[in-house]
Amino acid sequence: MEISALLKYHYEVIKMLVQTITGDLLSKLRDAGIKEQTIHKNYACFYRSFCKEAGDKELDEDLIVSFLINTREKDIWNLPSYQLSRREQICRNAFHVLLSATRFYRM
């Protein structure tokens, strides 16, 4: 196998699609014993709308920031916590968890 084909294969293997990683993360949260109500209120409700908008794109920070700016009408990703409502803080945390999970899978 030539190097360019090998690199392309490797890239395809590590590419994490939005639908795949969100579904897997929610399953892992359930397996960890987190209550279904907590998962729904703090993670799933945000991921559902994100999946609808993002489709099967590759998950990265730029995609998340763009989504948050479009839906929240301000950059909650980069604003300090004291400038955010409690719900905005929970939303930002959910996406930080999602991005951290993606980085973990790529290792």
PDB file of N, CA and C in Angstrom:
ATOM      1  N   MET A   1       0.865  -1.181   0.000  1.00  0.00           N
ATOM      2  CA  MET A   1       0.000   0.000   0.000  1.00  0.00           C
ATOM      3  C   MET A   1       0.903   1.232   0.000  1.00  0.00           C
ATOM      4  N   GLU A   2       0.654   2.138  -0.931  1.00  0.00           N
ATOM      5  CA  GLU A   2       1.492   3.329  -0.981  1.00  0.00           C
ATOM      6  C   GLU A   2       1.118   4.295   0.138  1.00  0.00           C
ATOM      7  N   ILE A   3       2.024   5.212   0.417  1.00  0.00           N
ATOM      8  CA  ILE A   3       1.879   6.096   1.578  1.00  0.00           C
ATOM      9  C   ILE A   3       0.604   6.940   1.496  1.00  0.00           C
ATOM     10  N   SER A   4       0.295   7.521   0.341  1.00  0.00           N
ATOM     11  CA  SER A   4      -0.892   8.380   0.259  1.00  0.00           C
ATOM     12  C   SER A   4      -2.169   7.578   0.521  1.00  0.00           C
ATOM     13  N   ALA A   5      -2.223   6.342   0.025  1.00  0.00           N
ATOM     14  CA  ALA A   5      -3.394   5.498   0.277  1.00  0.00           C
ATOM     15  C   ALA A   5      -3.483   5.137   1.753  1.00  0.00           C
ATOM     16  N   LEU A   6      -2.347   4.865   2.367  1.00  0.00           N
ATOM     17  CA  LEU A   6      -2.311   4.537   3.792  1.00  0.00           C
ATOM     18  C   LEU A   6      -2.767   5.727   4.628  1.00  0.00           C
ATOM     19  N   LEU A   7      -2.294   6.923   4.289  1.00  0.00           N
ATOM     20  CA  LEU A   7      -2.704   8.122   5.021  1.00  0.00           C
ATOM     21  C   LEU A   7      -4.201   8.387   4.852  1.00  0.00           C
ATOM     22  N   LYS A   8      -4.716   8.192   3.638  1.00  0.00           N
ATOM     23  CA  LYS A   8      -6.140   8.385   3.406  1.00  0.00           C
ATOM     24  C   LYS A   8      -6.959   7.394   4.234  1.00  0.00           C
ATOM     25  N   TYR A   9      -6.518   6.136   4.278  1.00  0.00           N
ATOM     26  CA  TYR A   9      -7.210   5.117   5.080  1.00  0.00           C
ATOM     27  C   TYR A   9      -7.182   5.503   6.550  1.00  0.00           C
ATOM     28  N   HIS A  10      -6.022   5.915   7.047  1.00  0.00           N
ATOM     29  CA  HIS A  10      -5.876   6.300   8.449  1.00  0.00           C
ATOM     30  C   HIS A  10      -6.804   7.474   8.768  1.00  0.00           C
ATOM     31  N   TYR A  11      -6.875   8.445   7.871  1.00  0.00           N
ATOM     32  CA  TYR A  11      -7.741   9.600   8.088  1.00  0.00           C
ATOM     33  C   TYR A  11      -9.205   9.160   8.177  1.00  0.00           C
ATOM     34  N   GLU A  12      -9.614   8.262   7.308  1.00  0.00           N
ATOM     35  CA  GLU A  12     -11.003   7.794   7.321  1.00  0.00           C
ATOM     36  C   GLU A  12     -11.325   7.039   8.609  1.00  0.00           C
ATOM     37  N   VAL A  13     -10.361   6.308   9.127  1.00  0.00           N
ATOM     38  CA  VAL A  13     -10.580   5.539  10.358  1.00  0.00           C
ATOM     39  C   VAL A  13     -10.767   6.464  11.556  1.00  0.00           C
ATOM     40  N   ILE A  14      -9.963   7.535  11.634  1.00  0.00           N
ATOM     41  CA  ILE A  14     -10.050   8.404  12.814  1.00  0.00           C
ATOM     42  C   ILE A  14     -11.101   9.498  12.664  1.00  0.00           C
ATOM     43  N   LYS A  15     -11.636   9.684  11.468  1.00  0.00           N
ATOM     44  CA  LYS A  15     -12.633  10.733  11.271  1.00  0.00           C
ATOM     45  C   LYS A  15     -13.881  10.392  12.087  1.00  0.00           C
ATOM     46  N   MET A  16     -14.265  11.295  12.932  1.00  0.00           N
ATOM     47  CA  MET A  16     -15.424  11.051  13.784  1.00  0.00           C
ATOM     48  C   MET A  16     -16.582  11.903  13.290  1.00  0.00           C
ATOM     49  N   LEU A  17     -17.622  11.247  12.866  1.00  0.00           N
ATOM     50  CA  LEU A  17     -18.790  11.954  12.375  1.00  0.00           C
ATOM     51  C   LEU A  17     -19.694  12.347  13.539  1.00  0.00           C
ATOM     52  N   VAL A  18     -20.376  13.444  13.372  1.00  0.00           N
ATOM     53  CA  VAL A  18     -21.214  14.007  14.431  1.00  0.00           C
ATOM     54  C   VAL A  18     -22.201  12.979  14.977  1.00  0.00           C
ATOM     55  N   GLN A  19     -22.944  12.328  14.101  1.00  0.00           N
ATOM     56  CA  GLN A  19     -23.963  11.365  14.543  1.00  0.00           C
ATOM     57  C   GLN A  19     -23.340  10.214  15.329  1.00  0.00           C
ATOM     58  N   THR A  20     -22.201   9.734  14.866  1.00  0.00           N
ATOM     59  CA  THR A  20     -21.541   8.589  15.491  1.00  0.00           C
ATOM     60  C   THR A  20     -21.061   8.921  16.895  1.00  0.00           C
ATOM     61  N   ILE A  21     -20.348  10.016  17.020  1.00  0.00           N
ATOM     62  CA  ILE A  21     -19.737  10.350  18.310  1.00  0.00           C
ATOM     63  C   ILE A  21     -20.775  10.767  19.340  1.00  0.00           C
ATOM     64  N   THR A  22     -21.819  11.484  18.932  1.00  0.00           N
ATOM     65  CA  THR A  22     -22.833  11.881  19.911  1.00  0.00           C
ATOM     66  C   THR A  22     -23.588  10.660  20.432  1.00  0.00           C
ATOM     67  N   GLY A  23     -23.949   9.762  19.544  1.00  0.00           N
ATOM     68  CA  GLY A  23     -24.640   8.544  19.971  1.00  0.00           C
ATOM     69  C   GLY A  23     -23.799   7.707  20.905  1.00  0.00           C
ATOM     70  N   ASP A  24     -22.518   7.578  20.572  1.00  0.00           N
ATOM     71  CA  ASP A  24     -21.614   6.793  21.398  1.00  0.00           C
ATOM     72  C   ASP A  24     -21.407   7.437  22.765  1.00  0.00           C
ATOM     73  N   LEU A  25     -21.277   8.752  22.783  1.00  0.00           N
ATOM     74  CA  LEU A  25     -21.080   9.460  24.051  1.00  0.00           C
ATOM     75  C   LEU A  25     -22.300   9.315  24.957  1.00  0.00           C
ATOM     76  N   LEU A  26     -23.494   9.449  24.408  1.00  0.00           N
ATOM     77  CA  LEU A  26     -24.705   9.297  25.218  1.00  0.00           C
ATOM     78  C   LEU A  26     -24.805   7.879  25.794  1.00  0.00           C
ATOM     79  N   SER A  27     -24.413   6.886  25.017  1.00  0.00           N
ATOM     80  CA  SER A  27     -24.404   5.501  25.518  1.00  0.00           C
ATOM     81  C   SER A  27     -23.413   5.332  26.664  1.00  0.00           C
ATOM     82  N   LYS A  28     -22.255   5.945  26.521  1.00  0.00           N
ATOM     83  CA  LYS A  28     -21.237   5.847  27.578  1.00  0.00           C
ATOM     84  C   LYS A  28     -21.698   6.554  28.856  1.00  0.00           C
ATOM     85  N   LEU A  29     -22.412   7.659  28.715  1.00  0.00           N
ATOM     86  CA  LEU A  29     -22.948   8.341  29.895  1.00  0.00           C
ATOM     87  C   LEU A  29     -23.957   7.449  30.619  1.00  0.00           C
ATOM     88  N   ARG A  30     -24.806   6.758  29.837  1.00  0.00           N
ATOM     89  CA  ARG A  30     -25.769   5.824  30.442  1.00  0.00           C
ATOM     90  C   ARG A  30     -25.037   4.679  31.142  1.00  0.00           C
ATOM     91  N   ASP A  31     -24.028   4.144  30.476  1.00  0.00           N
ATOM     92  CA  ASP A  31     -23.249   3.041  31.050  1.00  0.00           C
ATOM     93  C   ASP A  31     -22.535   3.458  32.328  1.00  0.00           C
ATOM     94  N   ALA A  32     -22.203   4.747  32.427  1.00  0.00           N
ATOM     95  CA  ALA A  32     -21.513   5.247  33.615  1.00  0.00           C
ATOM     96  C   ALA A  32     -22.458   5.438  34.799  1.00  0.00           C
ATOM     97  N   GLY A  33     -23.754   5.215  34.570  1.00  0.00           N
ATOM     98  CA  GLY A  33     -24.716   5.301  35.662  1.00  0.00           C
ATOM     99  C   GLY A  33     -25.354   6.665  35.833  1.00  0.00           C
ATOM    100  N   ILE A  34     -25.167   7.551  34.873  1.00  0.00           N
ATOM    101  CA  ILE A  34     -25.795   8.863  34.969  1.00  0.00           C
ATOM    102  C   ILE A  34     -27.284   8.712  34.662  1.00  0.00           C
ATOM    103  N   LYS A  35     -28.107   9.363  35.455  1.00  0.00           N
ATOM    104  CA  LYS A  35     -29.560   9.240  35.308  1.00  0.00           C
ATOM    105  C   LYS A  35     -30.015   9.750  33.941  1.00  0.00           C
ATOM    106  N   GLU A  36     -31.040   9.095  33.415  1.00  0.00           N
ATOM    107  CA  GLU A  36     -31.569   9.440  32.085  1.00  0.00           C
ATOM    108  C   GLU A  36     -32.040  10.891  32.031  1.00  0.00           C
ATOM    109  N   GLN A  37     -32.663  11.362  33.095  1.00  0.00           N
ATOM    110  CA  GLN A  37     -33.140  12.746  33.137  1.00  0.00           C
ATOM    111  C   GLN A  37     -31.970  13.731  33.039  1.00  0.00           C
ATOM    112  N   THR A  38     -30.878  13.440  33.729  1.00  0.00           N
ATOM    113  CA  THR A  38     -29.689  14.300  33.680  1.00  0.00           C
ATOM    114  C   THR A  38     -29.081  14.301  32.285  1.00  0.00           C
ATOM    115  N   ILE A  39     -29.002  13.127  31.679  1.00  0.00           N
ATOM    116  CA  ILE A  39     -28.463  13.031  30.325  1.00  0.00           C
ATOM    117  C   ILE A  39     -29.314  13.846  29.364  1.00  0.00           C
ATOM    118  N   HIS A  40     -30.619  13.726  29.487  1.00  0.00           N
ATOM    119  CA  HIS A  40     -31.512  14.458  28.581  1.00  0.00           C
ATOM    120  C   HIS A  40     -31.390  15.973  28.777  1.00  0.00           C
ATOM    121  N   LYS A  41     -31.451  16.431  30.020  1.00  0.00           N
ATOM    122  CA  LYS A  41     -31.435  17.864  30.311  1.00  0.00           C
ATOM    123  C   LYS A  41     -30.094  18.524  30.010  1.00  0.00           C
ATOM    124  N   ASN A  42     -28.994  17.795  30.236  1.00  0.00           N
ATOM    125  CA  ASN A  42     -27.674  18.416  30.149  1.00  0.00           C
ATOM    126  C   ASN A  42     -26.868  18.052  28.908  1.00  0.00           C
ATOM    127  N   TYR A  43     -27.317  17.071  28.144  1.00  0.00           N
ATOM    128  CA  TYR A  43     -26.539  16.659  26.973  1.00  0.00           C
ATOM    129  C   TYR A  43     -27.412  16.432  25.743  1.00  0.00           C
ATOM    130  N   ALA A  44     -28.324  15.484  25.819  1.00  0.00           N
ATOM    131  CA  ALA A  44     -29.063  15.023  24.639  1.00  0.00           C
ATOM    132  C   ALA A  44     -29.863  16.132  23.958  1.00  0.00           C
ATOM    133  N   CYS A  45     -30.464  17.012  24.732  1.00  0.00           N
ATOM    134  CA  CYS A  45     -31.274  18.070  24.126  1.00  0.00           C
ATOM    135  C   CYS A  45     -30.423  18.982  23.241  1.00  0.00           C
ATOM    136  N   PHE A  46     -29.174  19.212  23.612  1.00  0.00           N
ATOM    137  CA  PHE A  46     -28.279  20.043  22.806  1.00  0.00           C
ATOM    138  C   PHE A  46     -27.753  19.259  21.603  1.00  0.00           C
ATOM    139  N   TYR A  47     -27.404  17.998  21.829  1.00  0.00           N
ATOM    140  CA  TYR A  47     -26.834  17.184  20.761  1.00  0.00           C
ATOM    141  C   TYR A  47     -27.849  16.905  19.658  1.00  0.00           C
ATOM    142  N   ARG A  48     -29.114  16.768  20.010  1.00  0.00           N
ATOM    143  CA  ARG A  48     -30.138  16.460  19.017  1.00  0.00           C
ATOM    144  C   ARG A  48     -30.216  17.558  17.954  1.00  0.00           C
ATOM    145  N   SER A  49     -30.299  18.813  18.397  1.00  0.00           N
ATOM    146  CA  SER A  49     -30.378  19.905  17.427  1.00  0.00           C
ATOM    147  C   SER A  49     -29.058  20.069  16.671  1.00  0.00           C
ATOM    148  N   PHE A  50     -27.948  19.798  17.346  1.00  0.00           N
ATOM    149  CA  PHE A  50     -26.636  19.859  16.699  1.00  0.00           C
ATOM    150  C   PHE A  50     -26.544  18.819  15.586  1.00  0.00           C
ATOM    151  N   CYS A  51     -27.006  17.611  15.855  1.00  0.00           N
ATOM    152  CA  CYS A  51     -26.981  16.544  14.838  1.00  0.00           C
ATOM    153  C   CYS A  51     -27.850  16.896  13.638  1.00  0.00           C
ATOM    154  N   LYS A  52     -29.005  17.487  13.897  1.00  0.00           N
ATOM    155  CA  LYS A  52     -29.893  17.865  12.790  1.00  0.00           C
ATOM    156  C   LYS A  52     -29.228  18.887  11.884  1.00  0.00           C
ATOM    157  N   GLU A  53     -28.553  19.856  12.475  1.00  0.00           N
ATOM    158  CA  GLU A  53     -27.929  20.903  11.671  1.00  0.00           C
ATOM    159  C   GLU A  53     -26.620  20.436  11.028  1.00  0.00           C
ATOM    160  N   ALA A  54     -25.828  19.685  11.768  1.00  0.00           N
ATOM    161  CA  ALA A  54     -24.503  19.298  11.274  1.00  0.00           C
ATOM    162  C   ALA A  54     -24.558  18.125  10.308  1.00  0.00           C
ATOM    163  N   GLY A  55     -25.546  17.268  10.460  1.00  0.00           N
ATOM    164  CA  GLY A  55     -25.617  16.094   9.589  1.00  0.00           C
ATOM    165  C   GLY A  55     -24.445  15.155   9.827  1.00  0.00           C
ATOM    166  N   ASP A  56     -23.851  14.686   8.740  1.00  0.00           N
ATOM    167  CA  ASP A  56     -22.733  13.757   8.855  1.00  0.00           C
ATOM    168  C   ASP A  56     -21.399  14.418   8.561  1.00  0.00           C
ATOM    169  N   LYS A  57     -21.224  15.611   9.087  1.00  0.00           N
ATOM    170  CA  LYS A  57     -19.940  16.300   8.936  1.00  0.00           C
ATOM    171  C   LYS A  57     -18.964  15.774   9.978  1.00  0.00           C
ATOM    172  N   GLU A  58     -17.701  16.039   9.740  1.00  0.00           N
ATOM    173  CA  GLU A  58     -16.690  15.662  10.717  1.00  0.00           C
ATOM    174  C   GLU A  58     -16.768  16.625  11.895  1.00  0.00           C
ATOM    175  N   LEU A  59     -16.698  16.068  13.087  1.00  0.00           N
ATOM    176  CA  LEU A  59     -16.816  16.865  14.302  1.00  0.00           C
ATOM    177  C   LEU A  59     -15.500  17.566  14.599  1.00  0.00           C
ATOM    178  N   ASP A  60     -15.553  18.878  14.737  1.00  0.00           N
ATOM    179  CA  ASP A  60     -14.389  19.642  15.166  1.00  0.00           C
ATOM    180  C   ASP A  60     -14.859  20.908  15.880  1.00  0.00           C
ATOM    181  N   GLU A  61     -13.927  21.609  16.476  1.00  0.00           N
ATOM    182  CA  GLU A  61     -14.268  22.780  17.282  1.00  0.00           C
ATOM    183  C   GLU A  61     -14.929  23.877  16.447  1.00  0.00           C
ATOM    184  N   ASP A  62     -14.468  24.082  15.226  1.00  0.00           N
ATOM    185  CA  ASP A  62     -15.056  25.125  14.373  1.00  0.00           C
ATOM    186  C   ASP A  62     -16.533  24.859  14.090  1.00  0.00           C
ATOM    187  N   LEU A  63     -16.879  23.606  13.876  1.00  0.00           N
ATOM    188  CA  LEU A  63     -18.272  23.237  13.630  1.00  0.00           C
ATOM    189  C   LEU A  63     -19.136  23.537  14.860  1.00  0.00           C
ATOM    190  N   ILE A  64     -18.609  23.218  16.036  1.00  0.00           N
ATOM    191  CA  ILE A  64     -19.333  23.478  17.286  1.00  0.00           C
ATOM    192  C   ILE A  64     -19.517  24.976  17.511  1.00  0.00           C
ATOM    193  N   VAL A  65     -18.435  25.748  17.357  1.00  0.00           N
ATOM    194  CA  VAL A  65     -18.512  27.196  17.581  1.00  0.00           C
ATOM    195  C   VAL A  65     -19.497  27.840  16.615  1.00  0.00           C
ATOM    196  N   SER A  66     -19.441  27.444  15.350  1.00  0.00           N
ATOM    197  CA  SER A  66     -20.375  27.973  14.353  1.00  0.00           C
ATOM    198  C   SER A  66     -21.820  27.654  14.729  1.00  0.00           C
ATOM    199  N   PHE A  67     -22.069  26.422  15.148  1.00  0.00           N
ATOM    200  CA  PHE A  67     -23.415  26.026  15.563  1.00  0.00           C
ATOM    201  C   PHE A  67     -23.890  26.854  16.757  1.00  0.00           C
ATOM    202  N   LEU A  68     -23.037  27.016  17.760  1.00  0.00           N
ATOM    203  CA  LEU A  68     -23.429  27.756  18.963  1.00  0.00           C
ATOM    204  C   LEU A  68     -23.710  29.224  18.660  1.00  0.00           C
ATOM    205  N   ILE A  69     -22.911  29.825  17.795  1.00  0.00           N
ATOM    206  CA  ILE A  69     -23.144  31.228  17.432  1.00  0.00           C
ATOM    207  C   ILE A  69     -24.467  31.360  16.678  1.00  0.00           C
ATOM    208  N   ASN A  70     -24.728  30.432  15.769  1.00  0.00           N
ATOM    209  CA  ASN A  70     -25.969  30.492  14.982  1.00  0.00           C
ATOM    210  C   ASN A  70     -27.212  30.259  15.836  1.00  0.00           C
ATOM    211  N   THR A  71     -27.131  29.352  16.799  1.00  0.00           N
ATOM    212  CA  THR A  71     -28.321  29.025  17.586  1.00  0.00           C
ATOM    213  C   THR A  71     -28.480  29.896  18.830  1.00  0.00           C
ATOM    214  N   ARG A  72     -27.400  30.312  19.419  1.00  0.00           N
ATOM    215  CA  ARG A  72     -27.458  31.097  20.661  1.00  0.00           C
ATOM    216  C   ARG A  72     -27.323  32.593  20.425  1.00  0.00           C
ATOM    217  N   GLU A  73     -26.961  32.966  19.201  1.00  0.00           N
ATOM    218  CA  GLU A  73     -26.807  34.358  18.799  1.00  0.00           C
ATOM    219  C   GLU A  73     -25.734  35.104  19.572  1.00  0.00           C
ATOM    220  N   LYS A  74     -24.839  34.374  20.183  1.00  0.00           N
ATOM    221  CA  LYS A  74     -23.639  34.950  20.774  1.00  0.00           C
ATOM    222  C   LYS A  74     -22.622  33.824  20.939  1.00  0.00           C
ATOM    223  N   ASP A  75     -21.386  34.195  21.132  1.00  0.00           N
ATOM    224  CA  ASP A  75     -20.299  33.215  21.179  1.00  0.00           C
ATOM    225  C   ASP A  75     -20.134  32.664  22.596  1.00  0.00           C
ATOM    226  N   ILE A  76     -21.017  31.760  22.990  1.00  0.00           N
ATOM    227  CA  ILE A  76     -20.949  31.220  24.352  1.00  0.00           C
ATOM    228  C   ILE A  76     -19.724  30.340  24.547  1.00  0.00           C
ATOM    229  N   TRP A  77     -19.097  29.909  23.476  1.00  0.00           N
ATOM    230  CA  TRP A  77     -17.902  29.071  23.571  1.00  0.00           C
ATOM    231  C   TRP A  77     -16.738  29.843  24.188  1.00  0.00           C
ATOM    232  N   ASN A  78     -16.617  31.132  23.831  1.00  0.00           N
ATOM    233  CA  ASN A  78     -15.452  31.917  24.251  1.00  0.00           C
ATOM    234  C   ASN A  78     -15.743  32.969  25.316  1.00  0.00           C
ATOM    235  N   LEU A  79     -17.008  33.200  25.631  1.00  0.00           N
ATOM    236  CA  LEU A  79     -17.327  34.187  26.671  1.00  0.00           C
ATOM    237  C   LEU A  79     -17.012  33.630  28.054  1.00  0.00           C
ATOM    238  N   PRO A  80     -16.639  34.480  28.994  1.00  0.00           N
ATOM    239  CA  PRO A  80     -16.431  34.009  30.366  1.00  0.00           C
ATOM    240  C   PRO A  80     -17.751  33.548  30.989  1.00  0.00           C
ATOM    241  N   SER A  81     -17.651  32.626  31.904  1.00  0.00           N
ATOM    242  CA  SER A  81     -18.842  32.026  32.525  1.00  0.00           C
ATOM    243  C   SER A  81     -19.763  33.047  33.173  1.00  0.00           C
ATOM    244  N   TYR A  82     -19.199  34.088  33.762  1.00  0.00           N
ATOM    245  CA  TYR A  82     -20.053  35.051  34.460  1.00  0.00           C
ATOM    246  C   TYR A  82     -20.941  35.847  33.494  1.00  0.00           C
ATOM    247  N   GLN A  83     -20.664  35.805  32.202  1.00  0.00           N
ATOM    248  CA  GLN A  83     -21.502  36.502  31.221  1.00  0.00           C
ATOM    249  C   GLN A  83     -22.572  35.587  30.614  1.00  0.00           C
ATOM    250  N   LEU A  84     -22.624  34.352  31.074  1.00  0.00           N
ATOM    251  CA  LEU A  84     -23.564  33.380  30.533  1.00  0.00           C
ATOM    252  C   LEU A  84     -24.633  33.022  31.554  1.00  0.00           C
ATOM    253  N   SER A  85     -25.810  32.733  31.052  1.00  0.00           N
ATOM    254  CA  SER A  85     -26.859  32.214  31.933  1.00  0.00           C
ATOM    255  C   SER A  85     -26.483  30.788  32.336  1.00  0.00           C
ATOM    256  N   ARG A  86     -27.159  30.265  33.327  1.00  0.00           N
ATOM    257  CA  ARG A  86     -26.888  28.889  33.777  1.00  0.00           C
ATOM    258  C   ARG A  86     -27.102  27.894  32.635  1.00  0.00           C
ATOM    259  N   ARG A  87     -28.162  28.094  31.868  1.00  0.00           N
ATOM    260  CA  ARG A  87     -28.463  27.187  30.750  1.00  0.00           C
ATOM    261  C   ARG A  87     -27.377  27.259  29.672  1.00  0.00           C
ATOM    262  N   GLU A  88     -26.865  28.447  29.403  1.00  0.00           N
ATOM    263  CA  GLU A  88     -25.773  28.600  28.435  1.00  0.00           C
ATOM    264  C   GLU A  88     -24.495  27.923  28.929  1.00  0.00           C
ATOM    265  N   GLN A  89     -24.247  27.986  30.230  1.00  0.00           N
ATOM    266  CA  GLN A  89     -23.084  27.303  30.796  1.00  0.00           C
ATOM    267  C   GLN A  89     -23.216  25.784  30.637  1.00  0.00           C
ATOM    268  N   ILE A  90     -24.417  25.266  30.872  1.00  0.00           N
ATOM    269  CA  ILE A  90     -24.666  23.828  30.715  1.00  0.00           C
ATOM    270  C   ILE A  90     -24.480  23.421  29.257  1.00  0.00           C
ATOM    271  N   CYS A  91     -24.979  24.243  28.349  1.00  0.00           N
ATOM    272  CA  CYS A  91     -24.838  23.978  26.916  1.00  0.00           C
ATOM    273  C   CYS A  91     -23.362  23.943  26.521  1.00  0.00           C
ATOM    274  N   ARG A  92     -22.612  24.945  26.940  1.00  0.00           N
ATOM    275  CA  ARG A  92     -21.182  24.990  26.612  1.00  0.00           C
ATOM    276  C   ARG A  92     -20.463  23.774  27.188  1.00  0.00           C
ATOM    277  N   ASN A  93     -20.793  23.406  28.406  1.00  0.00           N
ATOM    278  CA  ASN A  93     -20.170  22.245  29.021  1.00  0.00           C
ATOM    279  C   ASN A  93     -20.465  20.974  28.226  1.00  0.00           C
ATOM    280  N   ALA A  94     -21.698  20.820  27.755  1.00  0.00           N
ATOM    281  CA  ALA A  94     -22.058  19.642  26.971  1.00  0.00           C
ATOM    282  C   ALA A  94     -21.187  19.528  25.727  1.00  0.00           C
ATOM    283  N   PHE A  95     -20.914  20.644  25.082  1.00  0.00           N
ATOM    284  CA  PHE A  95     -20.095  20.606  23.871  1.00  0.00           C
ATOM    285  C   PHE A  95     -18.614  20.452  24.182  1.00  0.00           C
ATOM    286  N   HIS A  96     -18.168  20.936  25.348  1.00  0.00           N
ATOM    287  CA  HIS A  96     -16.792  20.670  25.776  1.00  0.00           C
ATOM    288  C   HIS A  96     -16.607  19.168  26.019  1.00  0.00           C
ATOM    289  N   VAL A  97     -17.590  18.534  26.634  1.00  0.00           N
ATOM    290  CA  VAL A  97     -17.539  17.086  26.863  1.00  0.00           C
ATOM    291  C   VAL A  97     -17.499  16.348  25.526  1.00  0.00           C
ATOM    292  N   LEU A  98     -18.314  16.789  24.585  1.00  0.00           N
ATOM    293  CA  LEU A  98     -18.354  16.165  23.262  1.00  0.00           C
ATOM    294  C   LEU A  98     -17.002  16.299  22.554  1.00  0.00           C
ATOM    295  N   LEU A  99     -16.418  17.471  22.587  1.00  0.00           N
ATOM    296  CA  LEU A  99     -15.123  17.683  21.941  1.00  0.00           C
ATOM    297  C   LEU A  99     -14.023  16.895  22.643  1.00  0.00           C
ATOM    298  N   SER A 100     -14.073  16.824  23.965  1.00  0.00           N
ATOM    299  CA  SER A 100     -13.087  16.024  24.711  1.00  0.00           C
ATOM    300  C   SER A 100     -13.194  14.545  24.354  1.00  0.00           C
ATOM    301  N   ALA A 101     -14.405  14.064  24.205  1.00  0.00           N
ATOM    302  CA  ALA A 101     -14.607  12.665  23.821  1.00  0.00           C
ATOM    303  C   ALA A 101     -14.021  12.398  22.447  1.00  0.00           C
ATOM    304  N   THR A 102     -14.184  13.335  21.547  1.00  0.00           N
ATOM    305  CA  THR A 102     -13.632  13.191  20.204  1.00  0.00           C
ATOM    306  C   THR A 102     -12.115  13.111  20.257  1.00  0.00           C
ATOM    307  N   ARG A 103     -11.503  13.953  21.043  1.00  0.00           N
ATOM    308  CA  ARG A 103     -10.032  13.929  21.167  1.00  0.00           C
ATOM    309  C   ARG A 103      -9.568  12.605  21.782  1.00  0.00           C
ATOM    310  N   PHE A 104     -10.336  12.090  22.736  1.00  0.00           N
ATOM    311  CA  PHE A 104      -9.995  10.810  23.356  1.00  0.00           C
ATOM    312  C   PHE A 104     -10.012   9.686  22.314  1.00  0.00           C
ATOM    313  N   TYR A 105     -11.032   9.668  21.458  1.00  0.00           N
ATOM    314  CA  TYR A 105     -11.147   8.627  20.451  1.00  0.00           C
ATOM    315  C   TYR A 105     -10.021   8.679  19.428  1.00  0.00           C
ATOM    316  N   ARG A 106      -9.488   9.861  19.186  1.00  0.00           N
ATOM    317  CA  ARG A 106      -8.450  10.012  18.176  1.00  0.00           C
ATOM    318  C   ARG A 106      -7.088   9.606  18.686  1.00  0.00           C
ATOM    319  N   MET A 107      -6.935   9.402  19.974  1.00  0.00           N
ATOM    320  CA  MET A 107      -5.622   9.025  20.515  1.00  0.00           C
ATOM    321  C   MET A 107      -5.301   7.591  20.192  1.00  0.00           C
TER     322      MET A 107
END
